[in-house]
Amino acid sequence: RETFGERTKAAQMRTHYAQADNELHHLLIVEELGGNRLFLDRWVAQSAAFVYYWYVVLIYSWNPAAAYHLSELIEDHAYETYDKFLTEYESELKQLPVPDIARKYYEQDNPFLFDLFCTVKSSLSPQEQKQQQVQRSVRSRPFQLTSLYDVFCNIRDDENEHWKTLCNLVQFNDMNAVDANQVQSTQPLKEE
């Protein structure tokens, strides 16, 4: 929309940039683990990303909330997939080292962009979240990476941060509309 002269959503655009940077680092981590070795894998991933990008651009130009909702569903699926992966392979992942790119991104880089995409804040402390058994808790820095398991926990939790922002954008057209502990998936409208 900023291409068409709309300049009122600068903070939102900055957050989207920070989210894209975060997703880029997920890709770099997976590539360092060997996820880009095969030409076919790279071709399928790049082709799917190209089609998805332009599909979302088209939907966004027609209905931003619909585009955000599609992304919300994808981020929710990503969170659930990483969570399942972590549960199934916890012991193996805890034996593997942290990739250099992950250590650089999560422990050493300037946290400005990282903190920028974590838009939905919580009124509860991390201890209160544990006591109340908040299912998708809020992130806290700094991160200590001891194994590949910790890396994938961070990636999963990044997807959760994206999901919370998108839920707020779909439901309230505001990135910070509700407290992080109150964010819920967008529900379909009831048929009358």
Protein backbone atom coordinates (compact mmCIF):
# COMPACT_ATOMS: atom_id res chain seq x y z
CA ARG A 1 0.00 0.00 0.00
CA GLU A 2 2.90 2.36 0.59
CA THR A 3 3.67 1.96 -3.12
CA PHE A 4 0.30 3.59 -3.80
CA GLY A 5 1.00 6.53 -1.50
CA GLU A 6 -0.37 5.30 1.82
CA ARG A 7 2.15 6.37 4.45
CA THR A 8 0.05 5.98 7.60
CA LYS A 9 1.25 2.46 8.44
CA ALA A 10 5.00 3.05 8.86
CA ALA A 11 5.23 1.13 12.16
CA GLN A 12 3.34 -1.78 10.66
CA MET A 13 5.65 -1.84 7.62
CA ARG A 14 8.72 -1.76 9.90
CA THR A 15 7.33 -4.75 11.78
CA HIS A 16 6.71 -6.62 8.53
CA TYR A 17 10.31 -5.92 7.51
CA ALA A 18 11.56 -7.25 10.85
CA GLN A 19 9.40 -10.36 10.43
CA ALA A 20 10.82 -10.92 6.94
CA ASP A 21 14.34 -10.60 8.35
CA ASN A 22 13.48 -13.16 11.01
CA GLU A 23 12.11 -15.59 8.41
CA LEU A 24 15.27 -15.07 6.34
CA HIS A 25 17.33 -16.16 9.33
CA HIS A 26 15.19 -19.29 9.73
CA LEU A 27 15.98 -20.07 6.09
CA LEU A 28 19.71 -19.42 6.61
CA ILE A 29 19.74 -21.75 9.62
CA VAL A 30 18.04 -24.55 7.68
CA GLU A 31 20.42 -24.01 4.75
CA GLU A 32 23.42 -24.25 7.08
CA LEU A 33 21.99 -27.58 8.26
CA GLY A 34 22.04 -28.78 4.64
CA GLY A 35 18.48 -28.00 3.63
CA ASN A 36 19.55 -26.50 0.32
CA ARG A 37 21.87 -29.26 -0.93
CA LEU A 38 19.57 -30.65 -3.61
CA PHE A 39 18.65 -28.57 -6.64
CA LEU A 40 15.09 -29.93 -6.63
CA ASP A 41 14.57 -28.83 -3.01
CA ARG A 42 15.81 -25.32 -3.81
CA TRP A 43 13.71 -25.10 -6.98
CA VAL A 44 10.49 -26.26 -5.29
CA ALA A 45 11.01 -23.93 -2.32
CA GLN A 46 11.86 -20.91 -4.46
CA SER A 47 8.98 -21.55 -6.87
CA ALA A 48 6.49 -21.97 -4.05
CA ALA A 49 7.77 -18.79 -2.36
CA PHE A 50 7.46 -16.85 -5.63
CA VAL A 51 3.87 -17.99 -6.22
CA TYR A 52 2.88 -17.45 -2.56
CA TYR A 53 4.40 -13.96 -2.48
CA TRP A 54 2.51 -12.75 -5.54
CA TYR A 55 -0.70 -14.45 -4.40
CA VAL A 56 -0.51 -12.62 -1.06
CA VAL A 57 0.30 -9.31 -2.81
CA LEU A 58 -2.81 -9.75 -4.97
CA ILE A 59 -5.02 -10.66 -1.99
CA TYR A 60 -3.54 -7.81 0.11
CA SER A 61 -4.29 -5.24 -2.58
CA TRP A 62 -7.92 -6.41 -2.57
CA ASN A 63 -8.42 -7.20 1.14
CA PRO A 64 -5.54 -6.78 3.65
CA ALA A 65 -7.39 -8.67 6.41
CA ALA A 66 -7.77 -11.72 4.13
CA ALA A 67 -4.05 -11.69 3.35
CA TYR A 68 -3.20 -11.38 7.04
CA HIS A 69 -5.58 -14.22 7.86
CA LEU A 70 -3.90 -16.51 5.32
CA SER A 71 -0.54 -15.68 6.89
CA GLU A 72 -2.02 -16.19 10.37
CA LEU A 73 -3.07 -19.72 9.39
CA ILE A 74 0.37 -20.48 7.96
CA GLU A 75 2.18 -19.17 11.05
CA ASP A 76 -0.12 -21.19 13.32
CA HIS A 77 0.59 -24.31 11.27
CA ALA A 78 4.33 -23.59 11.42
CA TYR A 79 4.18 -23.25 15.21
CA GLU A 80 2.29 -26.53 15.57
CA THR A 81 4.65 -28.31 13.16
CA TYR A 82 7.79 -27.13 14.97
CA ASP A 83 6.22 -28.01 18.33
CA LYS A 84 5.49 -31.56 17.14
CA PHE A 85 9.00 -31.85 15.65
CA LEU A 86 10.54 -30.73 18.96
CA THR A 87 8.47 -33.26 20.91
CA GLU A 88 9.33 -36.15 18.60
CA TYR A 89 13.06 -35.43 18.24
CA GLU A 90 13.95 -33.74 21.52
CA SER A 91 16.65 -36.18 22.62
CA GLU A 92 18.36 -36.25 19.20
CA LEU A 93 18.25 -32.46 18.80
CA LYS A 94 19.76 -31.94 22.25
CA GLN A 95 22.84 -33.89 21.11
CA LEU A 96 23.48 -31.68 18.05
CA PRO A 97 25.51 -28.44 18.04
CA VAL A 98 24.18 -24.94 17.44
CA PRO A 99 24.75 -23.75 13.84
CA ASP A 100 26.99 -20.66 13.66
CA ILE A 101 24.30 -18.56 11.92
CA ALA A 102 21.82 -19.35 14.72
CA ARG A 103 24.29 -18.36 17.41
CA LYS A 104 25.05 -15.12 15.57
CA TYR A 105 21.38 -14.25 15.06
CA TYR A 106 19.97 -15.20 18.47
CA GLU A 107 22.93 -14.40 20.74
CA GLN A 108 25.22 -11.87 19.07
CA ASP A 109 23.37 -9.66 16.56
CA ASN A 110 21.90 -6.31 17.51
CA PRO A 111 18.42 -7.18 18.82
CA PHE A 112 16.72 -4.12 17.28
CA LEU A 113 15.00 -5.95 14.41
CA PHE A 114 14.36 -9.01 16.54
CA ASP A 115 12.66 -6.98 19.26
CA LEU A 116 10.74 -5.02 16.63
CA PHE A 117 8.83 -8.07 15.36
CA CYS A 118 7.80 -9.08 18.88
CA THR A 119 4.98 -6.55 18.90
CA VAL A 120 2.38 -8.18 21.16
CA LYS A 121 3.42 -7.62 24.75
CA SER A 122 2.20 -9.34 27.90
CA SER A 123 1.11 -7.84 31.17
CA LEU A 124 2.29 -11.04 32.91
CA SER A 125 5.87 -11.75 33.91
CA PRO A 126 7.46 -14.99 32.64
CA GLN A 127 6.95 -16.48 36.12
CA GLU A 128 3.24 -15.55 36.11
CA GLN A 129 2.88 -17.08 32.65
CA LYS A 130 4.29 -20.37 33.96
CA GLN A 131 2.05 -20.28 37.04
CA GLN A 132 -1.03 -19.67 34.89
CA GLN A 133 0.15 -22.24 32.35
CA VAL A 134 -0.08 -19.83 29.45
CA GLN A 135 0.05 -22.10 26.43
CA ARG A 136 1.94 -19.80 24.07
CA SER A 137 4.08 -17.70 26.37
CA VAL A 138 5.80 -14.43 25.58
CA ARG A 139 9.49 -14.35 24.63
CA SER A 140 12.18 -13.09 26.92
CA ARG A 141 15.78 -12.26 26.09
CA PRO A 142 18.65 -13.10 26.24
CA PHE A 143 18.66 -16.52 24.64
CA GLN A 144 21.10 -19.22 25.65
CA LEU A 145 21.63 -21.77 22.89
CA THR A 146 23.18 -25.02 24.07
CA SER A 147 21.98 -27.34 21.30
CA LEU A 148 20.01 -27.55 18.07
CA TYR A 149 16.95 -28.18 20.24
CA ASP A 150 17.21 -24.62 21.61
CA VAL A 151 17.51 -23.26 18.07
CA PHE A 152 14.31 -24.94 16.95
CA CYS A 153 12.54 -23.82 20.16
CA ASN A 154 13.43 -20.25 19.20
CA ILE A 155 12.25 -20.74 15.62
CA ARG A 156 8.96 -22.20 16.89
CA ASP A 157 8.53 -19.29 19.29
CA ASP A 158 9.32 -16.81 16.50
CA GLU A 159 6.42 -18.28 14.53
CA ASN A 160 4.23 -17.74 17.58
CA GLU A 161 5.23 -14.06 17.67
CA HIS A 162 4.28 -13.68 14.00
CA TRP A 163 0.98 -15.46 14.67
CA LYS A 164 0.05 -13.12 17.56
CA THR A 165 0.74 -10.02 15.47
CA LEU A 166 -1.31 -11.39 12.56
CA CYS A 167 -4.24 -12.34 14.82
CA ASN A 168 -4.37 -8.77 16.09
CA LEU A 169 -4.16 -7.36 12.57
CA VAL A 170 -6.96 -9.59 11.28
CA GLN A 171 -9.28 -9.10 14.23
CA PHE A 172 -8.55 -5.49 15.25
CA ASN A 173 -6.45 -3.92 12.48
CA ASP A 174 -3.94 -3.11 15.23
CA MET A 175 -0.72 -5.01 16.00
CA ASN A 176 -1.08 -4.46 19.77
CA ALA A 177 -4.83 -4.64 20.25
CA VAL A 178 -4.93 -7.26 23.01
CA ASP A 179 -2.49 -8.55 25.59
CA ALA A 180 -0.31 -11.44 24.40
CA ASN A 181 -2.00 -13.80 26.84
CA GLN A 182 -5.43 -13.07 25.35
CA VAL A 183 -4.61 -13.59 21.66
CA GLN A 184 -6.82 -16.19 20.02
CA SER A 185 -6.99 -17.59 16.51
CA THR A 186 -9.39 -15.84 14.19
CA GLN A 187 -12.66 -17.75 14.10
CA PRO A 188 -14.91 -18.11 11.06
CA LEU A 189 -18.08 -16.07 11.04
CA LYS A 190 -21.15 -17.98 12.16
CA GLU A 191 -23.64 -18.72 9.40
CA GLU A 192 -27.09 -17.34 10.05
